Amino acid sequence: MSGLDDRLSAFEAKYAHDEQMTFKVTARRNKLMALWVAEQLGKPAEQLDAYVKEVLASDFEEAGDEDVIRKVGHDLDAVGKSTSADDLRAKLSAMIIEAKTQVMSELD
């Protein structure tokens, strides 16, 4: 039975690791999105950290990406730089690649 227990423990550890990596990549992607939106908004450097935290916090409102899309879409609308939700989703999708690259490079 210990062989089965070992396999189960290894599977659980891999699952936990994969979930942690997914969380890190999503958080990094959201940070990249926040920095891009902050640039569009013309936020000064001293306000970047606060804005990134706002966007990261918005991701905990509901499952999925719609809460982030809504947040940044509203912020862009407020300054007259309306962007469709589909365009924002595409931007998030493109940023996931950069986020994965950054997170993986930190592991080396």
N, C-alpha and C. Protein backbone atom coordinates (compact mmCIF):
# COMPACT_ATOMS: atom_id res chain seq x y z
N MET A 1 0.81 -1.19 0.00
CA MET A 1 0.00 0.00 0.00
C MET A 1 0.85 1.26 0.00
N SER A 2 2.09 1.18 0.50
CA SER A 2 2.89 2.41 0.57
C SER A 2 3.19 2.95 -0.82
N GLY A 3 3.30 2.07 -1.83
CA GLY A 3 3.53 2.52 -3.20
C GLY A 3 2.37 3.37 -3.69
N LEU A 4 1.15 2.94 -3.38
CA LEU A 4 -0.03 3.70 -3.75
C LEU A 4 -0.09 5.02 -2.99
N ASP A 5 0.24 4.96 -1.71
CA ASP A 5 0.27 6.19 -0.91
C ASP A 5 1.30 7.18 -1.43
N ASP A 6 2.45 6.66 -1.84
CA ASP A 6 3.50 7.53 -2.39
C ASP A 6 3.03 8.19 -3.68
N ARG A 7 2.37 7.42 -4.54
CA ARG A 7 1.86 7.97 -5.80
C ARG A 7 0.80 9.03 -5.52
N LEU A 8 -0.05 8.78 -4.56
CA LEU A 8 -1.09 9.74 -4.20
C LEU A 8 -0.48 11.02 -3.66
N SER A 9 0.51 10.89 -2.81
CA SER A 9 1.19 12.06 -2.26
C SER A 9 1.88 12.86 -3.35
N ALA A 10 2.51 12.15 -4.29
CA ALA A 10 3.18 12.84 -5.40
C ALA A 10 2.16 13.56 -6.28
N PHE A 11 1.02 12.93 -6.52
CA PHE A 11 -0.02 13.57 -7.32
C PHE A 11 -0.55 14.81 -6.62
N GLU A 12 -0.79 14.71 -5.33
CA GLU A 12 -1.29 15.86 -4.57
C GLU A 12 -0.28 17.00 -4.57
N ALA A 13 1.00 16.69 -4.43
CA ALA A 13 2.04 17.72 -4.45
C ALA A 13 2.10 18.39 -5.82
N LYS A 14 2.00 17.60 -6.89
CA LYS A 14 2.02 18.17 -8.24
C LYS A 14 0.80 19.06 -8.45
N TYR A 15 -0.35 18.61 -8.02
CA TYR A 15 -1.57 19.40 -8.16
C TYR A 15 -1.44 20.73 -7.42
N ALA A 16 -0.94 20.70 -6.21
CA ALA A 16 -0.75 21.92 -5.42
C ALA A 16 0.24 22.86 -6.11
N HIS A 17 1.31 22.31 -6.63
CA HIS A 17 2.31 23.11 -7.34
C HIS A 17 1.69 23.75 -8.60
N ASP A 18 0.95 22.97 -9.37
CA ASP A 18 0.32 23.49 -10.58
C ASP A 18 -0.67 24.60 -10.26
N GLU A 19 -1.44 24.43 -9.21
CA GLU A 19 -2.39 25.47 -8.80
C GLU A 19 -1.67 26.75 -8.37
N GLN A 20 -0.58 26.59 -7.65
CA GLN A 20 0.21 27.74 -7.22
C GLN A 20 0.79 28.47 -8.43
N MET A 21 1.29 27.73 -9.40
CA MET A 21 1.84 28.35 -10.61
C MET A 21 0.75 29.08 -11.41
N THR A 22 -0.42 28.48 -11.50
CA THR A 22 -1.53 29.13 -12.20
C THR A 22 -1.89 30.44 -11.52
N PHE A 23 -1.93 30.44 -10.21
CA PHE A 23 -2.24 31.66 -9.46
C PHE A 23 -1.17 32.73 -9.71
N LYS A 24 0.09 32.35 -9.66
CA LYS A 24 1.18 33.31 -9.88
C LYS A 24 1.14 33.90 -11.28
N VAL A 25 0.90 33.05 -12.28
CA VAL A 25 0.86 33.53 -13.66
C VAL A 25 -0.33 34.47 -13.86
N THR A 26 -1.47 34.12 -13.31
CA THR A 26 -2.65 34.98 -13.43
C THR A 26 -2.42 36.32 -12.75
N ALA A 27 -1.83 36.29 -11.57
CA ALA A 27 -1.53 37.54 -10.86
C ALA A 27 -0.54 38.39 -11.66
N ARG A 28 0.46 37.76 -12.24
CA ARG A 28 1.44 38.50 -13.05
C ARG A 28 0.77 39.09 -14.29
N ARG A 29 -0.08 38.30 -14.93
CA ARG A 29 -0.81 38.79 -16.09
C ARG A 29 -1.66 40.00 -15.73
N ASN A 30 -2.33 39.94 -14.59
CA ASN A 30 -3.16 41.06 -14.15
C ASN A 30 -2.30 42.28 -13.83
N LYS A 31 -1.12 42.06 -13.30
CA LYS A 31 -0.20 43.17 -13.04
C LYS A 31 0.23 43.82 -14.35
N LEU A 32 0.57 43.00 -15.33
CA LEU A 32 0.96 43.54 -16.64
C LEU A 32 -0.19 44.33 -17.25
N MET A 33 -1.41 43.81 -17.11
CA MET A 33 -2.58 44.52 -17.62
C MET A 33 -2.75 45.85 -16.90
N ALA A 34 -2.59 45.83 -15.59
CA ALA A 34 -2.73 47.07 -14.80
C ALA A 34 -1.69 48.10 -15.23
N LEU A 35 -0.48 47.67 -15.47
CA LEU A 35 0.57 48.60 -15.90
C LEU A 35 0.26 49.17 -17.28
N TRP A 36 -0.27 48.34 -18.17
CA TRP A 36 -0.64 48.82 -19.49
C TRP A 36 -1.78 49.84 -19.41
N VAL A 37 -2.79 49.52 -18.61
CA VAL A 37 -3.93 50.44 -18.45
C VAL A 37 -3.47 51.73 -17.77
N ALA A 38 -2.61 51.62 -16.78
CA ALA A 38 -2.09 52.82 -16.10
C ALA A 38 -1.38 53.73 -17.10
N GLU A 39 -0.66 53.13 -18.03
CA GLU A 39 0.00 53.92 -19.07
C GLU A 39 -1.04 54.62 -19.94
N GLN A 40 -2.11 53.91 -20.29
CA GLN A 40 -3.19 54.50 -21.09
C GLN A 40 -3.88 55.63 -20.34
N LEU A 41 -3.95 55.49 -19.02
CA LEU A 41 -4.60 56.50 -18.18
C LEU A 41 -3.69 57.68 -17.89
N GLY A 42 -2.40 57.53 -18.15
CA GLY A 42 -1.44 58.59 -17.86
C GLY A 42 -1.13 58.72 -16.38
N LYS A 43 -1.22 57.61 -15.67
CA LYS A 43 -0.93 57.64 -14.23
C LYS A 43 0.55 57.90 -14.00
N PRO A 44 0.87 58.77 -13.05
CA PRO A 44 2.28 59.01 -12.72
C PRO A 44 2.88 57.80 -12.00
N ALA A 45 4.20 57.71 -12.05
CA ALA A 45 4.92 56.56 -11.49
C ALA A 45 4.57 56.30 -10.02
N GLU A 46 4.36 57.34 -9.26
CA GLU A 46 4.08 57.15 -7.83
C GLU A 46 2.70 56.55 -7.57
N GLN A 47 1.84 56.50 -8.57
CA GLN A 47 0.51 55.91 -8.41
C GLN A 47 0.41 54.49 -8.98
N LEU A 48 1.48 54.01 -9.60
CA LEU A 48 1.43 52.70 -10.25
C LEU A 48 1.17 51.56 -9.28
N ASP A 49 1.89 51.53 -8.17
CA ASP A 49 1.71 50.43 -7.21
C ASP A 49 0.29 50.36 -6.69
N ALA A 50 -0.27 51.51 -6.38
CA ALA A 50 -1.64 51.54 -5.86
C ALA A 50 -2.63 51.06 -6.92
N TYR A 51 -2.41 51.45 -8.16
CA TYR A 51 -3.33 51.03 -9.22
C TYR A 51 -3.20 49.52 -9.48
N VAL A 52 -1.98 49.02 -9.48
CA VAL A 52 -1.79 47.57 -9.65
C VAL A 52 -2.52 46.82 -8.54
N LYS A 53 -2.44 47.28 -7.31
CA LYS A 53 -3.13 46.62 -6.20
C LYS A 53 -4.65 46.66 -6.40
N GLU A 54 -5.18 47.78 -6.93
CA GLU A 54 -6.62 47.87 -7.21
C GLU A 54 -7.05 46.81 -8.22
N VAL A 55 -6.27 46.68 -9.29
CA VAL A 55 -6.61 45.70 -10.33
C VAL A 55 -6.49 44.29 -9.79
N LEU A 56 -5.42 44.01 -9.04
CA LEU A 56 -5.26 42.67 -8.46
C LEU A 56 -6.41 42.35 -7.52
N ALA A 57 -6.82 43.31 -6.72
CA ALA A 57 -7.94 43.09 -5.79
C ALA A 57 -9.24 42.84 -6.54
N SER A 58 -9.41 43.50 -7.68
CA SER A 58 -10.65 43.32 -8.43
C SER A 58 -10.81 41.89 -8.92
N ASP A 59 -9.72 41.16 -9.08
CA ASP A 59 -9.79 39.79 -9.57
C ASP A 59 -10.41 38.83 -8.57
N PHE A 60 -10.58 39.25 -7.34
CA PHE A 60 -11.14 38.37 -6.30
C PHE A 60 -12.65 38.59 -6.13
N GLU A 61 -13.25 39.43 -6.96
CA GLU A 61 -14.68 39.69 -6.85
C GLU A 61 -15.51 38.50 -7.31
N GLU A 62 -15.06 37.83 -8.36
CA GLU A 62 -15.78 36.66 -8.89
C GLU A 62 -14.79 35.78 -9.65
N ALA A 63 -15.22 34.58 -9.93
CA ALA A 63 -14.36 33.67 -10.69
C ALA A 63 -14.24 34.15 -12.13
N GLY A 64 -13.09 33.89 -12.74
CA GLY A 64 -12.88 34.28 -14.12
C GLY A 64 -12.27 35.66 -14.24
N ASP A 65 -12.23 36.14 -15.47
CA ASP A 65 -11.55 37.40 -15.77
C ASP A 65 -12.49 38.59 -15.90
N GLU A 66 -13.79 38.36 -15.86
CA GLU A 66 -14.73 39.44 -16.13
C GLU A 66 -14.64 40.58 -15.13
N ASP A 67 -14.29 40.27 -13.89
CA ASP A 67 -14.15 41.34 -12.89
C ASP A 67 -12.99 42.27 -13.23
N VAL A 68 -11.90 41.71 -13.74
CA VAL A 68 -10.75 42.53 -14.15
C VAL A 68 -11.12 43.34 -15.39
N ILE A 69 -11.77 42.70 -16.36
CA ILE A 69 -12.20 43.38 -17.58
C ILE A 69 -13.10 44.56 -17.23
N ARG A 70 -14.04 44.34 -16.33
CA ARG A 70 -14.97 45.39 -15.91
C ARG A 70 -14.22 46.55 -15.26
N LYS A 71 -13.28 46.23 -14.38
CA LYS A 71 -12.52 47.26 -13.66
C LYS A 71 -11.72 48.13 -14.62
N VAL A 72 -10.90 47.50 -15.45
CA VAL A 72 -10.05 48.30 -16.33
C VAL A 72 -10.88 48.97 -17.42
N GLY A 73 -11.94 48.31 -17.88
CA GLY A 73 -12.82 48.92 -18.87
C GLY A 73 -13.47 50.18 -18.33
N HIS A 74 -13.93 50.12 -17.09
CA HIS A 74 -14.53 51.29 -16.44
C HIS A 74 -13.51 52.42 -16.30
N ASP A 75 -12.31 52.08 -15.90
CA ASP A 75 -11.26 53.09 -15.73
C ASP A 75 -10.91 53.76 -17.06
N LEU A 76 -10.83 52.96 -18.12
CA LEU A 76 -10.55 53.53 -19.45
C LEU A 76 -11.71 54.39 -19.93
N ASP A 77 -12.93 53.93 -19.70
CA ASP A 77 -14.11 54.73 -20.08
C ASP A 77 -14.11 56.08 -19.37
N ALA A 78 -13.69 56.09 -18.11
CA ALA A 78 -13.72 57.31 -17.30
C ALA A 78 -12.83 58.42 -17.87
N VAL A 79 -11.81 58.04 -18.62
CA VAL A 79 -10.92 59.06 -19.20
C VAL A 79 -11.13 59.19 -20.71
N GLY A 80 -12.22 58.62 -21.21
CA GLY A 80 -12.54 58.76 -22.62
C GLY A 80 -11.75 57.86 -23.55
N LYS A 81 -11.18 56.78 -23.02
CA LYS A 81 -10.42 55.83 -23.85
C LYS A 81 -11.13 54.49 -23.86
N SER A 82 -12.40 54.53 -24.24
CA SER A 82 -13.22 53.32 -24.24
C SER A 82 -12.57 52.22 -25.08
N THR A 83 -12.59 51.03 -24.53
CA THR A 83 -12.06 49.84 -25.19
C THR A 83 -13.07 48.74 -24.98
N SER A 84 -13.38 48.01 -26.02
CA SER A 84 -14.39 46.95 -25.89
C SER A 84 -13.89 45.85 -24.97
N ALA A 85 -14.85 45.16 -24.38
CA ALA A 85 -14.51 44.04 -23.51
C ALA A 85 -13.77 42.96 -24.29
N ASP A 86 -14.14 42.76 -25.55
CA ASP A 86 -13.44 41.77 -26.38
C ASP A 86 -11.98 42.15 -26.60
N ASP A 87 -11.72 43.44 -26.82
CA ASP A 87 -10.34 43.89 -27.00
C ASP A 87 -9.55 43.72 -25.71
N LEU A 88 -10.18 43.97 -24.57
CA LEU A 88 -9.50 43.80 -23.28
C LEU A 88 -9.23 42.32 -23.02
N ARG A 89 -10.16 41.45 -23.38
CA ARG A 89 -9.93 40.00 -23.24
C ARG A 89 -8.76 39.56 -24.11
N ALA A 90 -8.69 40.09 -25.32
CA ALA A 90 -7.58 39.75 -26.22
C ALA A 90 -6.26 40.23 -25.64
N LYS A 91 -6.26 41.41 -25.03
CA LYS A 91 -5.05 41.93 -24.41
C LYS A 91 -4.62 41.03 -23.25
N LEU A 92 -5.59 40.61 -22.44
CA LEU A 92 -5.27 39.69 -21.34
C LEU A 92 -4.69 38.38 -21.87
N SER A 93 -5.28 37.86 -22.93
CA SER A 93 -4.79 36.62 -23.52
C SER A 93 -3.36 36.76 -24.02
N ALA A 94 -3.06 37.89 -24.62
CA ALA A 94 -1.70 38.12 -25.11
C ALA A 94 -0.72 38.26 -23.95
N MET A 95 -1.17 38.85 -22.86
CA MET A 95 -0.29 39.08 -21.72
C MET A 95 0.02 37.81 -20.94
N ILE A 96 -0.80 36.78 -21.09
CA ILE A 96 -0.56 35.55 -20.35
C ILE A 96 0.76 34.92 -20.78
N ILE A 97 1.11 35.08 -22.04
CA ILE A 97 2.38 34.53 -22.54
C ILE A 97 3.55 35.20 -21.86
N GLU A 98 3.52 36.52 -21.80
CA GLU A 98 4.60 37.26 -21.13
C GLU A 98 4.64 36.92 -19.64
N ALA A 99 3.47 36.80 -19.03
CA ALA A 99 3.41 36.46 -17.61
C ALA A 99 4.04 35.10 -17.34
N LYS A 100 3.72 34.10 -18.17
CA LYS A 100 4.31 32.77 -18.00
C LYS A 100 5.82 32.83 -18.15
N THR A 101 6.29 33.57 -19.14
CA THR A 101 7.73 33.70 -19.37
C THR A 101 8.40 34.32 -18.15
N GLN A 102 7.82 35.37 -17.61
CA GLN A 102 8.42 36.04 -16.45
C GLN A 102 8.44 35.12 -15.23
N VAL A 103 7.33 34.47 -14.96
CA VAL A 103 7.25 33.60 -13.77
C VAL A 103 8.24 32.44 -13.91
N MET A 104 8.31 31.84 -15.08
CA MET A 104 9.22 30.71 -15.28
C MET A 104 10.68 31.15 -15.17
N SER A 105 11.00 32.36 -15.64
CA SER A 105 12.38 32.83 -15.56
C SER A 105 12.79 33.10 -14.11
N GLU A 106 11.84 33.39 -13.26
CA GLU A 106 12.14 33.60 -11.85
C GLU A 106 12.44 32.30 -11.12
N LEU A 107 12.01 31.19 -11.70
CA LEU A 107 12.26 29.88 -11.08
C LEU A 107 13.66 29.37 -11.36
N ASP A 108 14.29 29.89 -12.39
CA ASP A 108 15.62 29.43 -12.76
C ASP A 108 16.69 29.89 -11.81
